Amino acid sequence: MSGLLSCSLTNASVLCSGKLIPYHSQASQPVFGTLHNCSEPCNGAFFSQEQVDILHYSNLVLSCLSIITGCIILFLYLINYCKIKHPEAPIYYIAGLQLVISTMQLISGLYGTFNSMSSTNSSSDSEGLHCDDRYKNHFNESILLQDGGDNPFCLTIFAILYYSFLSILSWWTVITIEWLVTSIKRKITKKKYLYIISHIAGWSIPIPFLFTAAYLNAVSGSTTEMTCWISRRNESLYQLAFIITPLSDSGLIARKGDIVTAYISLQGMKKSPYLS
């Protein structure tokens, strides 16, 4: 029956204010803020449809520009492959990972666009990857996808995005350490084992984070990115474990490495015969 809420509720008397939609979390965790039985629409509880459309199409344009830039950088890398050595090469790995992220963002955006164009009801909102059309309110708005781990397409997009995101952080950390080692003792960069260790670290560090997030089903739709990302359920714990901690560790190592490298370079300049 049109206008009725088709929601899974343990208590039918639950009331949700504003644009929030009744929804019972099977994980017994807060769904929206501190609320356990209310979820926001997939277009957000605080955005108008015009704002959502602007955000959506801006994301598509920026993704296309980023893809073009990434392709140019990788093309330059391929034509100069023999001239680019370690530790400069990881910079191009980062460009490739950014290209992957932009491509996944574009796929997510186009998925929502095509679903919106093929919708038979012109008044319905865009059913993007981040939406769960099984639960709607009387405005015909879908709920924000909560259990992304149960959606194979959502989980796949999340895995590629999250792995690429953490790999970028890993490679920036590896580059910082390699530049630090190079500034201390240049001959060590010629040893093959350093090259192998850097690749193992750059590509394997994200794996434990990725599998842990998938195991905990810490995946849900994201309103702003319009794709699947770290869940907003139990937000403080998930964001701390899977976003803030990797960013903080990578940033801390990079900053410390930059300071030490700058200090060593300064000491080398003081010993230069041209400055004496």
C-alpha atoms as a PDB file:
ATOM      1  CA  MET A   1       0.000   0.000   0.000  1.00  0.00           C
ATOM      2  CA  SER A   2       1.430   3.357  -1.094  1.00  0.00           C
ATOM      3  CA  GLY A   3       2.593   5.636   1.689  1.00  0.00           C
ATOM      4  CA  LEU A   4       3.158   2.908   4.255  1.00  0.00           C
ATOM      5  CA  LEU A   5       6.563   2.228   5.759  1.00  0.00           C
ATOM      6  CA  SER A   6       7.856  -1.205   4.788  1.00  0.00           C
ATOM      7  CA  CYS A   7      10.332  -1.530   7.635  1.00  0.00           C
ATOM      8  CA  SER A   8      11.701  -4.313   9.791  1.00  0.00           C
ATOM      9  CA  LEU A   9      10.790  -3.204  13.318  1.00  0.00           C
ATOM     10  CA  THR A  10      10.661  -4.934  16.635  1.00  0.00           C
ATOM     11  CA  ASN A  11       8.518  -2.133  17.991  1.00  0.00           C
ATOM     12  CA  ALA A  12       5.926  -0.680  15.646  1.00  0.00           C
ATOM     13  CA  SER A  13       5.431   2.371  17.876  1.00  0.00           C
ATOM     14  CA  VAL A  14       8.918   3.719  17.120  1.00  0.00           C
ATOM     15  CA  LEU A  15       8.670   7.279  15.792  1.00  0.00           C
ATOM     16  CA  CYS A  16      11.420   8.977  13.811  1.00  0.00           C
ATOM     17  CA  SER A  17      11.458  12.746  13.469  1.00  0.00           C
ATOM     18  CA  GLY A  18      12.035  14.704  10.279  1.00  0.00           C
ATOM     19  CA  LYS A  19      13.167  12.708   7.255  1.00  0.00           C
ATOM     20  CA  LEU A  20      14.499   9.802   9.317  1.00  0.00           C
ATOM     21  CA  ILE A  21      13.154   6.360   8.458  1.00  0.00           C
ATOM     22  CA  PRO A  22      12.314   3.611  11.000  1.00  0.00           C
ATOM     23  CA  TYR A  23      14.845   0.809  10.762  1.00  0.00           C
ATOM     24  CA  HIS A  24      15.920  -1.841  13.254  1.00  0.00           C
ATOM     25  CA  SER A  25      19.627  -2.630  13.241  1.00  0.00           C
ATOM     26  CA  GLN A  26      20.243  -6.370  13.376  1.00  0.00           C
ATOM     27  CA  ALA A  27      23.674  -5.604  14.860  1.00  0.00           C
ATOM     28  CA  SER A  28      22.095  -3.875  17.894  1.00  0.00           C
ATOM     29  CA  GLN A  29      24.249  -0.810  17.252  1.00  0.00           C
ATOM     30  CA  PRO A  30      23.286   2.847  16.796  1.00  0.00           C
ATOM     31  CA  VAL A  31      22.151   3.409  13.215  1.00  0.00           C
ATOM     32  CA  PHE A  32      22.054   7.210  13.050  1.00  0.00           C
ATOM     33  CA  GLY A  33      23.939   9.116  15.724  1.00  0.00           C
ATOM     34  CA  THR A  34      22.766   7.617  19.009  1.00  0.00           C
ATOM     35  CA  LEU A  35      19.463   6.344  17.558  1.00  0.00           C
ATOM     36  CA  HIS A  36      19.047   2.574  17.298  1.00  0.00           C
ATOM     37  CA  ASN A  37      15.773   2.386  15.342  1.00  0.00           C
ATOM     38  CA  CYS A  38      15.983   5.297  12.916  1.00  0.00           C
ATOM     39  CA  SER A  39      18.069   5.697   9.780  1.00  0.00           C
ATOM     40  CA  GLU A  40      18.606   8.591   7.396  1.00  0.00           C
ATOM     41  CA  PRO A  41      17.461   8.471   3.761  1.00  0.00           C
ATOM     42  CA  CYS A  42      20.130   7.575   1.225  1.00  0.00           C
ATOM     43  CA  ASN A  43      20.187  11.218   0.091  1.00  0.00           C
ATOM     44  CA  GLY A  44      20.841  12.386   3.640  1.00  0.00           C
ATOM     45  CA  ALA A  45      18.664  13.875   6.341  1.00  0.00           C
ATOM     46  CA  PHE A  46      20.048  17.393   5.967  1.00  0.00           C
ATOM     47  CA  PHE A  47      20.287  17.862   2.189  1.00  0.00           C
ATOM     48  CA  SER A  48      17.696  19.034  -0.322  1.00  0.00           C
ATOM     49  CA  GLN A  49      17.318  17.205  -3.624  1.00  0.00           C
ATOM     50  CA  GLU A  50      18.981  20.118  -5.445  1.00  0.00           C
ATOM     51  CA  GLN A  51      22.021  19.915  -3.162  1.00  0.00           C
ATOM     52  CA  VAL A  52      22.231  16.166  -3.659  1.00  0.00           C
ATOM     53  CA  ASP A  53      22.124  16.580  -7.452  1.00  0.00           C
ATOM     54  CA  ILE A  54      24.893  19.205  -7.368  1.00  0.00           C
ATOM     55  CA  LEU A  55      27.030  16.943  -5.188  1.00  0.00           C
ATOM     56  CA  HIS A  56      26.337  13.952  -7.412  1.00  0.00           C
ATOM     57  CA  TYR A  57      27.250  15.582 -10.728  1.00  0.00           C
ATOM     58  CA  SER A  58      30.234  17.407  -9.220  1.00  0.00           C
ATOM     59  CA  ASN A  59      31.539  14.040  -8.069  1.00  0.00           C
ATOM     60  CA  LEU A  60      31.151  12.647 -11.587  1.00  0.00           C
ATOM     61  CA  VAL A  61      33.030  15.587 -13.145  1.00  0.00           C
ATOM     62  CA  LEU A  62      35.866  15.452 -10.605  1.00  0.00           C
ATOM     63  CA  SER A  63      36.157  11.684 -11.061  1.00  0.00           C
ATOM     64  CA  CYS A  64      36.487  12.112 -14.831  1.00  0.00           C
ATOM     65  CA  LEU A  65      39.155  14.811 -14.434  1.00  0.00           C
ATOM     66  CA  SER A  66      41.053  12.638 -11.970  1.00  0.00           C
ATOM     67  CA  ILE A  67      40.899   9.667 -14.358  1.00  0.00           C
ATOM     68  CA  ILE A  68      42.284  11.774 -17.209  1.00  0.00           C
ATOM     69  CA  THR A  69      45.113  13.062 -15.010  1.00  0.00           C
ATOM     70  CA  GLY A  70      45.919   9.563 -13.764  1.00  0.00           C
ATOM     71  CA  CYS A  71      46.042   8.176 -17.304  1.00  0.00           C
ATOM     72  CA  ILE A  72      48.459  10.925 -18.376  1.00  0.00           C
ATOM     73  CA  ILE A  73      50.765  10.233 -15.411  1.00  0.00           C
ATOM     74  CA  LEU A  74      50.757   6.484 -16.035  1.00  0.00           C
ATOM     75  CA  PHE A  75      51.426   7.051 -19.741  1.00  0.00           C
ATOM     76  CA  LEU A  76      54.477   9.153 -18.862  1.00  0.00           C
ATOM     77  CA  TYR A  77      55.584   6.394 -16.515  1.00  0.00           C
ATOM     78  CA  LEU A  78      55.300   3.723 -19.211  1.00  0.00           C
ATOM     79  CA  ILE A  79      57.275   5.651 -21.830  1.00  0.00           C
ATOM     80  CA  ASN A  80      60.004   6.399 -19.268  1.00  0.00           C
ATOM     81  CA  TYR A  81      59.870   3.060 -17.485  1.00  0.00           C
ATOM     82  CA  CYS A  82      63.576   2.265 -17.883  1.00  0.00           C
ATOM     83  CA  LYS A  83      64.649   5.665 -16.556  1.00  0.00           C
ATOM     84  CA  ILE A  84      62.501   5.655 -13.409  1.00  0.00           C
ATOM     85  CA  LYS A  85      64.171   3.878 -10.512  1.00  0.00           C
ATOM     86  CA  HIS A  86      63.434   3.263  -6.862  1.00  0.00           C
ATOM     87  CA  PRO A  87      62.519   5.175  -4.691  1.00  0.00           C
ATOM     88  CA  GLU A  88      60.876   7.515  -7.260  1.00  0.00           C
ATOM     89  CA  ALA A  89      58.794   4.733  -8.839  1.00  0.00           C
ATOM     90  CA  PRO A  90      56.259   4.437  -5.946  1.00  0.00           C
ATOM     91  CA  ILE A  91      55.004   7.925  -6.774  1.00  0.00           C
ATOM     92  CA  TYR A  92      53.592   6.444  -9.971  1.00  0.00           C
ATOM     93  CA  TYR A  93      52.094   3.547  -8.026  1.00  0.00           C
ATOM     94  CA  ILE A  94      50.212   6.133  -5.984  1.00  0.00           C
ATOM     95  CA  ALA A  95      48.984   7.765  -9.200  1.00  0.00           C
ATOM     96  CA  GLY A  96      47.722   4.371 -10.371  1.00  0.00           C
ATOM     97  CA  LEU A  97      45.897   3.778  -7.084  1.00  0.00           C
ATOM     98  CA  GLN A  98      44.296   7.213  -7.347  1.00  0.00           C
ATOM     99  CA  LEU A  99      43.162   6.265 -10.848  1.00  0.00           C
ATOM    100  CA  VAL A 100      41.512   3.132  -9.414  1.00  0.00           C
ATOM    101  CA  ILE A 101      39.718   5.186  -6.730  1.00  0.00           C
ATOM    102  CA  SER A 102      38.447   7.696  -9.304  1.00  0.00           C
ATOM    103  CA  THR A 103      37.225   4.872 -11.543  1.00  0.00           C
ATOM    104  CA  MET A 104      35.291   3.248  -8.684  1.00  0.00           C
ATOM    105  CA  GLN A 105      33.769   6.615  -7.776  1.00  0.00           C
ATOM    106  CA  LEU A 106      32.711   7.094 -11.388  1.00  0.00           C
ATOM    107  CA  ILE A 107      31.181   3.611 -11.557  1.00  0.00           C
ATOM    108  CA  SER A 108      29.220   4.261  -8.350  1.00  0.00           C
ATOM    109  CA  GLY A 109      27.990   7.601  -9.670  1.00  0.00           C
ATOM    110  CA  LEU A 110      26.964   6.217 -13.060  1.00  0.00           C
ATOM    111  CA  TYR A 111      25.186   3.329 -11.340  1.00  0.00           C
ATOM    112  CA  GLY A 112      22.929   5.792  -9.531  1.00  0.00           C
ATOM    113  CA  THR A 113      22.446   7.900 -12.664  1.00  0.00           C
ATOM    114  CA  PHE A 114      21.365   4.969 -14.845  1.00  0.00           C
ATOM    115  CA  ASN A 115      19.019   3.684 -12.143  1.00  0.00           C
ATOM    116  CA  SER A 116      17.457   7.124 -11.889  1.00  0.00           C
ATOM    117  CA  MET A 117      16.986   7.366 -15.674  1.00  0.00           C
ATOM    118  CA  SER A 118      15.429   3.890 -15.879  1.00  0.00           C
ATOM    119  CA  SER A 119      13.051   4.511 -12.975  1.00  0.00           C
ATOM    120  CA  THR A 120       9.399   4.293 -13.975  1.00  0.00           C
ATOM    121  CA  ASN A 121       8.389   6.704 -11.205  1.00  0.00           C
ATOM    122  CA  SER A 122       9.716  10.164 -12.060  1.00  0.00           C
ATOM    123  CA  SER A 123       9.110  11.396  -8.506  1.00  0.00           C
ATOM    124  CA  SER A 124      11.411   8.822  -6.921  1.00  0.00           C
ATOM    125  CA  ASP A 125      14.952   9.686  -5.950  1.00  0.00           C
ATOM    126  CA  SER A 126      18.036   8.242  -7.539  1.00  0.00           C
ATOM    127  CA  GLU A 127      18.589   4.687  -6.342  1.00  0.00           C
ATOM    128  CA  GLY A 128      22.344   4.725  -6.034  1.00  0.00           C
ATOM    129  CA  LEU A 129      24.705   2.069  -4.793  1.00  0.00           C
ATOM    130  CA  HIS A 130      24.427   3.575  -1.305  1.00  0.00           C
ATOM    131  CA  CYS A 131      20.631   3.105  -1.187  1.00  0.00           C
ATOM    132  CA  ASP A 132      18.519   0.217   0.084  1.00  0.00           C
ATOM    133  CA  ASP A 133      15.168   0.398  -1.728  1.00  0.00           C
ATOM    134  CA  ARG A 134      13.604  -2.267   0.515  1.00  0.00           C
ATOM    135  CA  TYR A 135      12.864   0.428   3.099  1.00  0.00           C
ATOM    136  CA  LYS A 136      11.106   3.662   2.108  1.00  0.00           C
ATOM    137  CA  ASN A 137       9.247   6.489   3.839  1.00  0.00           C
ATOM    138  CA  HIS A 138       6.092   8.263   2.703  1.00  0.00           C
ATOM    139  CA  PHE A 139       8.251  10.611   0.581  1.00  0.00           C
ATOM    140  CA  ASN A 140       9.296   7.502  -1.415  1.00  0.00           C
ATOM    141  CA  GLU A 141      12.871   7.973  -0.188  1.00  0.00           C
ATOM    142  CA  SER A 142      15.008   4.872   0.253  1.00  0.00           C
ATOM    143  CA  ILE A 143      16.992   4.140   3.377  1.00  0.00           C
ATOM    144  CA  LEU A 144      20.769   4.521   3.455  1.00  0.00           C
ATOM    145  CA  LEU A 145      22.276   1.063   2.953  1.00  0.00           C
ATOM    146  CA  GLN A 146      23.271  -0.178   6.416  1.00  0.00           C
ATOM    147  CA  ASP A 147      24.573  -3.730   5.947  1.00  0.00           C
ATOM    148  CA  GLY A 148      26.852  -3.267   2.964  1.00  0.00           C
ATOM    149  CA  GLY A 149      28.582  -6.569   3.621  1.00  0.00           C
ATOM    150  CA  ASP A 150      25.393  -8.370   2.555  1.00  0.00           C
ATOM    151  CA  ASN A 151      25.438  -6.642  -0.847  1.00  0.00           C
ATOM    152  CA  PRO A 152      28.108  -8.244  -3.112  1.00  0.00           C
ATOM    153  CA  PHE A 153      28.368  -5.234  -5.448  1.00  0.00           C
ATOM    154  CA  CYS A 154      28.632  -2.793  -2.541  1.00  0.00           C
ATOM    155  CA  LEU A 155      31.218  -4.970  -0.793  1.00  0.00           C
ATOM    156  CA  THR A 156      33.302  -5.252  -3.974  1.00  0.00           C
ATOM    157  CA  ILE A 157      33.338  -1.488  -4.565  1.00  0.00           C
ATOM    158  CA  PHE A 158      34.192  -0.904  -0.907  1.00  0.00           C
ATOM    159  CA  ALA A 159      37.037  -3.439  -0.970  1.00  0.00           C
ATOM    160  CA  ILE A 160      38.648  -1.818  -4.015  1.00  0.00           C
ATOM    161  CA  LEU A 161      38.199   1.720  -2.669  1.00  0.00           C
ATOM    162  CA  TYR A 162      39.403   0.965   0.845  1.00  0.00           C
ATOM    163  CA  TYR A 163      42.376  -1.124  -0.267  1.00  0.00           C
ATOM    164  CA  SER A 164      43.484   1.590  -2.697  1.00  0.00           C
ATOM    165  CA  PHE A 165      43.054   4.274  -0.024  1.00  0.00           C
ATOM    166  CA  LEU A 166      45.192   2.390   2.505  1.00  0.00           C
ATOM    167  CA  SER A 167      47.757   1.441  -0.149  1.00  0.00           C
ATOM    168  CA  ILE A 168      48.285   5.122  -0.911  1.00  0.00           C
ATOM    169  CA  LEU A 169      48.972   5.760   2.770  1.00  0.00           C
ATOM    170  CA  SER A 170      51.291   2.741   2.898  1.00  0.00           C
ATOM    171  CA  TRP A 171      53.277   3.825  -0.138  1.00  0.00           C
ATOM    172  CA  TRP A 172      53.669   7.391   1.143  1.00  0.00           C
ATOM    173  CA  THR A 173      55.054   5.939   4.362  1.00  0.00           C
ATOM    174  CA  VAL A 174      57.378   3.631   2.415  1.00  0.00           C
ATOM    175  CA  ILE A 175      58.602   6.531   0.270  1.00  0.00           C
ATOM    176  CA  THR A 176      59.352   8.600   3.365  1.00  0.00           C
ATOM    177  CA  ILE A 177      61.342   5.781   4.960  1.00  0.00           C
ATOM    178  CA  GLU A 178      63.236   5.089   1.733  1.00  0.00           C
ATOM    179  CA  TRP A 179      64.172   8.745   1.302  1.00  0.00           C
ATOM    180  CA  LEU A 180      65.315   8.762   4.909  1.00  0.00           C
ATOM    181  CA  VAL A 181      67.454   5.664   4.348  1.00  0.00           C
ATOM    182  CA  THR A 182      68.818   7.184   1.144  1.00  0.00           C
ATOM    183  CA  SER A 183      69.839  10.367   2.936  1.00  0.00           C
ATOM    184  CA  ILE A 184      71.660   8.342   5.608  1.00  0.00           C
ATOM    185  CA  LYS A 185      73.409   5.848   3.356  1.00  0.00           C
ATOM    186  CA  ARG A 186      72.927   6.020  -0.386  1.00  0.00           C
ATOM    187  CA  LYS A 187      74.530   2.668  -1.166  1.00  0.00           C
ATOM    188  CA  ILE A 188      71.804   0.771   0.669  1.00  0.00           C
ATOM    189  CA  THR A 189      69.216   1.781  -1.935  1.00  0.00           C
ATOM    190  CA  LYS A 190      71.031  -0.386  -4.477  1.00  0.00           C
ATOM    191  CA  LYS A 191      70.377  -3.549  -2.526  1.00  0.00           C
ATOM    192  CA  LYS A 192      67.604  -5.735  -3.883  1.00  0.00           C
ATOM    193  CA  TYR A 193      66.146  -6.637  -0.496  1.00  0.00           C
ATOM    194  CA  LEU A 194      65.094  -3.028   0.161  1.00  0.00           C
ATOM    195  CA  TYR A 195      63.090  -3.056  -3.073  1.00  0.00           C
ATOM    196  CA  ILE A 196      61.367  -6.311  -2.083  1.00  0.00           C
ATOM    197  CA  ILE A 197      60.598  -5.140   1.459  1.00  0.00           C
ATOM    198  CA  SER A 198      59.097  -1.887   0.199  1.00  0.00           C
ATOM    199  CA  HIS A 199      56.738  -3.744  -2.152  1.00  0.00           C
ATOM    200  CA  ILE A 200      55.689  -6.192   0.542  1.00  0.00           C
ATOM    201  CA  ALA A 201      54.936  -3.319   2.924  1.00  0.00           C
ATOM    202  CA  GLY A 202      53.230  -1.130   0.325  1.00  0.00           C
ATOM    203  CA  TRP A 203      50.815  -3.796  -0.889  1.00  0.00           C
ATOM    204  CA  SER A 204      50.259  -5.970   2.211  1.00  0.00           C
ATOM    205  CA  ILE A 205      49.733  -3.471   5.066  1.00  0.00           C
ATOM    206  CA  PRO A 206      46.122  -2.670   3.965  1.00  0.00           C
ATOM    207  CA  ILE A 207      45.072  -6.341   3.907  1.00  0.00           C
ATOM    208  CA  PRO A 208      44.494  -6.841   7.691  1.00  0.00           C
ATOM    209  CA  PHE A 209      42.433  -3.638   7.878  1.00  0.00           C
ATOM    210  CA  LEU A 210      40.354  -4.669   4.858  1.00  0.00           C
ATOM    211  CA  PHE A 211      39.579  -8.183   6.102  1.00  0.00           C
ATOM    212  CA  THR A 212      38.770  -6.906   9.602  1.00  0.00           C
ATOM    213  CA  ALA A 213      36.319  -4.334   8.230  1.00  0.00           C
ATOM    214  CA  ALA A 214      34.651  -6.972   6.051  1.00  0.00           C
ATOM    215  CA  TYR A 215      34.491  -9.476   8.928  1.00  0.00           C
ATOM    216  CA  LEU A 216      32.841  -6.921  11.244  1.00  0.00           C
ATOM    217  CA  ASN A 217      30.510  -5.872   8.405  1.00  0.00           C
ATOM    218  CA  ALA A 218      31.687  -2.302   9.000  1.00  0.00           C
ATOM    219  CA  VAL A 219      30.468  -1.353   5.532  1.00  0.00           C
ATOM    220  CA  SER A 220      27.513   0.846   4.651  1.00  0.00           C
ATOM    221  CA  GLY A 221      26.362   3.406   2.129  1.00  0.00           C
ATOM    222  CA  SER A 222      27.869   6.881   2.216  1.00  0.00           C
ATOM    223  CA  THR A 223      25.642   9.870   1.518  1.00  0.00           C
ATOM    224  CA  THR A 224      28.324  12.320   0.431  1.00  0.00           C
ATOM    225  CA  GLU A 225      30.433   9.965  -1.711  1.00  0.00           C
ATOM    226  CA  MET A 226      27.335   8.078  -2.944  1.00  0.00           C
ATOM    227  CA  THR A 227      29.183   4.783  -2.726  1.00  0.00           C
ATOM    228  CA  CYS A 228      30.055   2.209  -0.058  1.00  0.00           C
ATOM    229  CA  TRP A 229      32.500   3.124   2.680  1.00  0.00           C
ATOM    230  CA  ILE A 230      33.220   2.548   6.378  1.00  0.00           C
ATOM    231  CA  SER A 231      29.947   2.154   8.257  1.00  0.00           C
ATOM    232  CA  ARG A 232      28.498   4.990  10.323  1.00  0.00           C
ATOM    233  CA  ARG A 233      27.098   2.493  12.798  1.00  0.00           C
ATOM    234  CA  ASN A 234      29.074   2.624  16.002  1.00  0.00           C
ATOM    235  CA  GLU A 235      30.701   5.574  14.267  1.00  0.00           C
ATOM    236  CA  SER A 236      33.345   6.560  16.791  1.00  0.00           C
ATOM    237  CA  LEU A 237      34.807   3.026  16.975  1.00  0.00           C
ATOM    238  CA  TYR A 238      34.776   2.229  13.246  1.00  0.00           C
ATOM    239  CA  GLN A 239      36.091   5.630  12.182  1.00  0.00           C
ATOM    240  CA  LEU A 240      38.852   5.458  14.790  1.00  0.00           C
ATOM    241  CA  ALA A 241      39.902   1.917  13.886  1.00  0.00           C
ATOM    242  CA  PHE A 242      39.701   2.040  10.095  1.00  0.00           C
ATOM    243  CA  ILE A 243      40.211   5.702   9.128  1.00  0.00           C
ATOM    244  CA  ILE A 244      41.811   7.815  11.854  1.00  0.00           C
ATOM    245  CA  THR A 245      44.376   5.235  13.008  1.00  0.00           C
ATOM    246  CA  PRO A 246      45.865   4.548   9.525  1.00  0.00           C
ATOM    247  CA  LEU A 247      45.894   8.275   8.706  1.00  0.00           C
ATOM    248  CA  SER A 248      47.529   9.166  12.024  1.00  0.00           C
ATOM    249  CA  ASP A 249      50.186   6.464  11.801  1.00  0.00           C
ATOM    250  CA  SER A 250      51.054   7.334   8.216  1.00  0.00           C
ATOM    251  CA  GLY A 251      51.139  11.056   8.953  1.00  0.00           C
ATOM    252  CA  LEU A 252      53.250  10.612  12.077  1.00  0.00           C
ATOM    253  CA  ILE A 253      55.857   8.472  10.309  1.00  0.00           C
ATOM    254  CA  ALA A 254      55.947  10.809   7.312  1.00  0.00           C
ATOM    255  CA  ARG A 255      56.400  13.939   9.444  1.00  0.00           C
ATOM    256  CA  LYS A 256      59.109  12.366  11.605  1.00  0.00           C
ATOM    257  CA  GLY A 257      60.870  11.091   8.502  1.00  0.00           C
ATOM    258  CA  ASP A 258      60.756  14.510   6.847  1.00  0.00           C
ATOM    259  CA  ILE A 259      62.241  16.166   9.932  1.00  0.00           C
ATOM    260  CA  VAL A 260      65.081  13.639  10.222  1.00  0.00           C
ATOM    261  CA  THR A 261      65.790  13.799   6.476  1.00  0.00           C
ATOM    262  CA  ALA A 262      65.896  17.594   6.557  1.00  0.00           C
ATOM    263  CA  TYR A 263      68.249  17.532   9.555  1.00  0.00           C
ATOM    264  CA  ILE A 264      70.628  15.058   7.894  1.00  0.00           C
ATOM    265  CA  SER A 265      70.595  17.055   4.660  1.00  0.00           C
ATOM    266  CA  LEU A 266      71.361  20.233   6.599  1.00  0.00           C
ATOM    267  CA  GLN A 267      74.312  18.569   8.311  1.00  0.00           C
ATOM    268  CA  GLY A 268      75.592  17.431   4.938  1.00  0.00           C
ATOM    269  CA  MET A 269      75.347  20.964   3.585  1.00  0.00           C
ATOM    270  CA  LYS A 270      77.355  22.304   6.519  1.00  0.00           C
ATOM    271  CA  LYS A 271      80.175  19.890   5.677  1.00  0.00           C
ATOM    272  CA  SER A 272      80.166  20.868   2.014  1.00  0.00           C
ATOM    273  CA  PRO A 273      83.464  22.486   0.898  1.00  0.00           C
ATOM    274  CA  TYR A 274      81.493  25.009  -1.132  1.00  0.00           C
ATOM    275  CA  LEU A 275      79.964  26.474   2.043  1.00  0.00           C
ATOM    276  CA  SER A 276      83.159  26.587   4.098  1.00  0.00           C
END
